[in-house]
């Protein structure tokens, strides 16, 4: 089949077979076909998340490298993170467990917000997004409490009373970077929720809620790795 007949067939809507080999490749390429129907905003969010994954991966790999290579004993998580008390006895990791529960719960409220967003239920979408933001703010507040307790115990980027000096530097860097992402996510959620409430997405649809959800689920997933690397290993 000639090139002109192929073009004529495609214009007329017939189901003529595509040409093979180099000619078929050139025809498909020049037809400007879209393989995946991904909106531009969602594609950009995925690109951002992939780049952010590399940053967090580098941080965690660097943390494990420092931990393995240091000559001094690495502090025990059960000693360092016994920050909450029941009576006079410290409870190891209880604060971290509550923080993790709060953040994972926020993923559930965010998923519900996306679901109601596609149903165009504005009221429930806004309520669930605000609930997600409140849970995120609670997480950040608990992390600030954790930092204040550790600073009070003498944990610094250059040293700490429990062992290897590098512990403080990698801990504050990684958890601080993640906390910055959560804080930015809370602001992002509130801005989008306000715009949803004002009806800015009635015509174009609530796809922005799903895009916001992608970011929030990513932040939650990263915390799972940080939790496992810092508090369990």
Protein backbone atom coordinates (compact mmCIF):
# COMPACT_ATOMS: atom_id res chain seq x y z
CA UNK A 1 0.00 0.00 0.00
CA UNK A 2 1.36 3.41 -0.94
CA UNK A 3 1.84 6.23 1.52
CA UNK A 4 -0.94 8.30 -0.09
CA UNK A 5 -3.44 5.43 0.11
CA UNK A 6 -2.55 4.85 3.77
CA UNK A 7 -3.19 8.50 4.56
CA UNK A 8 -6.46 8.46 2.58
CA UNK A 9 -7.58 5.34 4.46
CA UNK A 10 -6.83 6.89 7.82
CA UNK A 11 -8.71 10.05 6.91
CA UNK A 12 -11.73 8.18 5.63
CA UNK A 13 -11.87 6.08 8.81
CA UNK A 14 -11.31 2.68 7.09
CA UNK A 15 -9.56 -0.15 8.89
CA UNK A 16 -6.77 -0.67 6.40
CA UNK A 17 -3.77 -2.53 7.87
CA UNK A 18 -0.76 -0.45 8.90
CA UNK A 19 2.37 -0.67 6.82
CA UNK A 20 5.22 -2.81 8.14
CA UNK A 21 8.89 -2.03 8.64
CA UNK A 22 10.45 1.41 8.38
CA UNK A 23 7.52 2.82 6.42
CA UNK A 24 5.05 1.78 9.11
CA UNK A 25 7.25 3.25 11.84
CA UNK A 26 7.48 6.58 9.97
CA UNK A 27 3.73 6.64 9.39
CA UNK A 28 2.95 5.97 13.07
CA UNK A 29 5.49 8.55 14.24
CA UNK A 30 4.20 11.25 11.91
CA UNK A 31 0.58 10.54 12.91
CA UNK A 32 1.31 12.02 16.37
CA UNK A 33 -0.50 9.22 18.18
CA UNK A 34 -0.93 9.30 21.96
CA UNK A 35 -0.24 5.97 23.64
CA UNK A 36 -1.21 6.85 27.20
CA UNK A 37 -3.95 9.38 27.92
CA UNK A 38 -2.28 11.03 30.92
CA UNK A 39 -3.22 14.66 31.70
CA UNK A 40 -0.36 17.12 31.73
CA UNK A 41 -0.72 18.00 35.41
CA UNK A 42 -0.63 14.37 36.50
CA UNK A 43 2.39 13.64 34.29
CA UNK A 44 4.29 16.58 35.80
CA UNK A 45 3.47 15.40 39.32
CA UNK A 46 4.79 11.92 38.49
CA UNK A 47 8.00 13.41 37.10
CA UNK A 48 8.43 15.46 40.29
CA UNK A 49 7.79 12.41 42.48
CA UNK A 50 10.30 10.30 40.56
CA UNK A 51 12.96 13.00 40.98
CA UNK A 52 12.10 13.28 44.68
CA UNK A 53 12.40 9.50 45.01
CA UNK A 54 16.02 9.75 43.85
CA UNK A 55 16.75 12.40 46.50
CA UNK A 56 15.25 10.39 49.36
CA UNK A 57 16.97 7.25 48.08
CA UNK A 58 20.33 9.02 48.13
CA UNK A 59 19.67 10.22 51.68
CA UNK A 60 18.77 6.74 52.91
CA UNK A 61 21.67 5.07 51.12
CA UNK A 62 23.98 7.71 52.60
CA UNK A 63 22.51 7.03 56.05
CA UNK A 64 23.12 3.29 55.78
CA UNK A 65 26.65 3.88 54.47
CA UNK A 66 27.46 6.13 57.43
CA UNK A 67 25.91 3.70 59.87
CA UNK A 68 27.82 0.72 58.53
CA UNK A 69 31.16 2.50 58.20
CA UNK A 70 31.29 4.34 61.54
CA UNK A 71 33.70 2.96 64.13
CA UNK A 72 31.61 4.13 67.09
CA UNK A 73 28.55 2.14 68.22
CA UNK A 74 25.30 3.28 66.66
CA UNK A 75 22.69 4.47 69.19
CA UNK A 76 19.88 2.03 69.98
CA UNK A 77 16.49 3.28 68.80
CA UNK A 78 14.80 1.90 71.93
CA UNK A 79 17.02 4.17 74.05
CA UNK A 80 17.07 7.31 71.91
CA UNK A 81 13.36 7.35 71.07
CA UNK A 82 11.94 6.48 74.49
CA UNK A 83 10.41 9.95 74.57
CA UNK A 84 7.04 9.23 76.18
CA UNK A 85 6.42 8.00 79.69
CA UNK A 86 3.81 5.86 81.41
CA UNK A 87 4.19 6.87 85.02
CA UNK A 88 7.94 7.04 85.57
CA UNK A 89 8.88 4.42 82.96
CA UNK A 90 9.76 5.42 79.39
CA UNK A 91 7.93 3.64 76.58
CA UNK A 92 10.25 3.02 73.60
CA UNK A 93 8.97 4.19 70.19
CA UNK A 94 5.39 4.85 71.32
CA UNK A 95 5.50 8.42 70.03
CA UNK A 96 6.88 7.25 66.68
CA UNK A 97 4.17 4.58 66.44
CA UNK A 98 1.45 7.19 66.98
CA UNK A 99 3.06 9.49 64.39
CA UNK A 100 3.10 6.64 61.88
CA UNK A 101 -0.52 5.76 62.61
CA UNK A 102 -1.57 9.39 62.12
CA UNK A 103 0.20 9.65 58.76
CA UNK A 104 -1.13 6.33 57.47
CA UNK A 105 -4.64 7.35 58.53
CA UNK A 106 -4.22 10.53 56.51
CA UNK A 107 -3.65 8.39 53.42
CA UNK A 108 -7.08 6.85 53.97
CA UNK A 109 -8.82 10.22 54.26
CA UNK A 110 -6.97 11.43 51.16
CA UNK A 111 -8.08 8.36 49.17
CA UNK A 112 -11.67 9.05 50.21
CA UNK A 113 -11.29 12.69 49.16
CA UNK A 114 -10.20 11.58 45.69
CA UNK A 115 -13.13 9.18 45.50
CA UNK A 116 -15.68 11.86 46.40
CA UNK A 117 -13.89 14.33 44.15
CA UNK A 118 -14.59 12.19 41.10
CA UNK A 119 -18.19 11.95 42.24
CA UNK A 120 -18.18 15.76 42.35
CA UNK A 121 -19.35 15.74 45.94
CA UNK A 122 -17.79 19.08 46.83
CA UNK A 123 -18.69 19.14 50.51
CA UNK A 124 -17.30 15.70 51.40
CA UNK A 125 -14.21 16.28 49.26
CA UNK A 126 -13.37 19.50 51.10
CA UNK A 127 -14.06 17.97 54.52
CA UNK A 128 -11.82 14.98 53.83
CA UNK A 129 -9.02 17.13 52.40
CA UNK A 130 -9.14 19.36 55.48
CA UNK A 131 -9.10 16.24 57.69
CA UNK A 132 -6.04 15.03 55.80
CA UNK A 133 -4.36 18.41 56.29
CA UNK A 134 -5.22 18.31 60.02
CA UNK A 135 -3.65 14.86 60.38
CA UNK A 136 -0.57 16.07 58.50
CA UNK A 137 -0.28 19.10 60.78
CA UNK A 138 -0.63 16.79 63.79
CA UNK A 139 2.24 14.69 62.46
CA UNK A 140 4.44 17.76 62.04
CA UNK A 141 3.57 18.94 65.55
CA UNK A 142 4.54 15.56 66.99
CA UNK A 143 7.77 15.63 65.03
CA UNK A 144 8.56 19.06 66.46
CA UNK A 145 7.95 17.61 69.94
CA UNK A 146 10.30 14.72 69.10
CA UNK A 147 13.01 17.11 67.95
CA UNK A 148 12.63 19.31 71.03
CA UNK A 149 13.01 16.29 73.32
CA UNK A 150 16.09 15.03 71.47
CA UNK A 151 17.66 18.50 71.50
CA UNK A 152 16.98 18.62 75.22
CA UNK A 153 18.75 15.28 75.65
CA UNK A 154 21.80 16.66 73.86
CA UNK A 155 21.39 15.22 70.35
CA UNK A 156 23.17 17.56 67.95
CA UNK A 157 24.22 17.29 64.28
CA UNK A 158 27.81 16.92 65.53
CA UNK A 159 27.27 14.57 68.46
CA UNK A 160 24.95 12.85 70.93
CA UNK A 161 25.26 11.14 74.31
CA UNK A 162 24.36 7.66 73.03
CA UNK A 163 27.10 6.84 70.53
CA UNK A 164 28.19 7.74 67.00
CA UNK A 165 28.38 11.47 66.33
CA UNK A 166 26.94 11.07 62.82
CA UNK A 167 23.57 9.96 64.16
CA UNK A 168 22.32 13.48 64.83
CA UNK A 169 23.32 14.85 61.45
CA UNK A 170 21.64 12.15 59.35
CA UNK A 171 18.58 12.05 61.61
CA UNK A 172 17.88 15.77 61.48
CA UNK A 173 18.64 15.98 57.77
CA UNK A 174 16.35 13.15 56.65
CA UNK A 175 13.46 13.63 59.06
CA UNK A 176 13.67 17.41 58.56
CA UNK A 177 13.54 17.05 54.79
CA UNK A 178 10.52 14.76 55.10
CA UNK A 179 8.87 17.10 57.59
CA UNK A 180 9.33 19.93 55.11
CA UNK A 181 7.50 17.85 52.50
CA UNK A 182 4.63 17.16 54.91
CA UNK A 183 4.39 20.86 55.78
CA UNK A 184 4.31 21.79 52.09
CA UNK A 185 1.69 19.09 51.54
CA UNK A 186 -0.54 20.50 54.29
CA UNK A 187 -0.41 23.94 52.66
CA UNK A 188 -1.04 22.40 49.23
CA UNK A 189 -4.06 20.48 50.55
CA UNK A 190 -5.60 23.55 52.14
CA UNK A 191 -5.11 25.67 49.01
CA UNK A 192 -6.70 23.04 46.75
CA UNK A 193 -9.53 22.41 49.24
CA UNK A 194 -10.32 26.13 49.28
CA UNK A 195 -10.37 26.30 45.49
CA UNK A 196 -12.64 23.23 45.36
CA UNK A 197 -15.00 24.86 47.85
CA UNK A 198 -15.09 28.06 45.80
CA UNK A 199 -16.05 26.06 42.73
CA UNK A 200 -12.94 26.66 40.65
CA UNK A 201 -12.92 23.08 39.32
CA UNK A 202 -16.61 22.62 38.52
CA UNK A 203 -16.05 22.90 34.78
CA UNK A 204 -12.64 21.27 34.38
CA UNK A 205 -13.31 18.48 36.90
CA UNK A 206 -11.70 17.47 40.20
CA UNK A 207 -8.63 15.85 38.72
CA UNK A 208 -6.48 18.23 40.81
CA UNK A 209 -7.65 16.33 43.91
CA UNK A 210 -6.13 13.13 42.56
CA UNK A 211 -2.91 14.96 41.70
CA UNK A 212 -2.77 16.29 45.27
CA UNK A 213 -3.40 12.75 46.49
CA UNK A 214 -0.44 11.43 44.51
CA UNK A 215 1.85 13.82 46.35
CA UNK A 216 0.37 12.98 49.75
CA UNK A 217 0.57 9.22 49.27
CA UNK A 218 4.19 9.63 48.20
CA UNK A 219 4.99 11.52 51.41
CA UNK A 220 3.33 8.78 53.44
CA UNK A 221 5.20 6.04 51.60
CA UNK A 222 8.55 7.73 52.16
CA UNK A 223 7.82 7.88 55.89
CA UNK A 224 7.36 4.09 55.93
CA UNK A 225 10.95 3.70 54.70
CA UNK A 226 12.27 6.30 57.14
CA UNK A 227 10.42 4.57 59.97
CA UNK A 228 11.91 1.21 59.02
CA UNK A 229 15.47 2.50 58.53
CA UNK A 230 15.72 4.78 61.57
CA UNK A 231 13.43 3.36 64.19
CA UNK A 232 13.35 -0.40 63.54
CA UNK A 233 16.81 -1.35 62.26
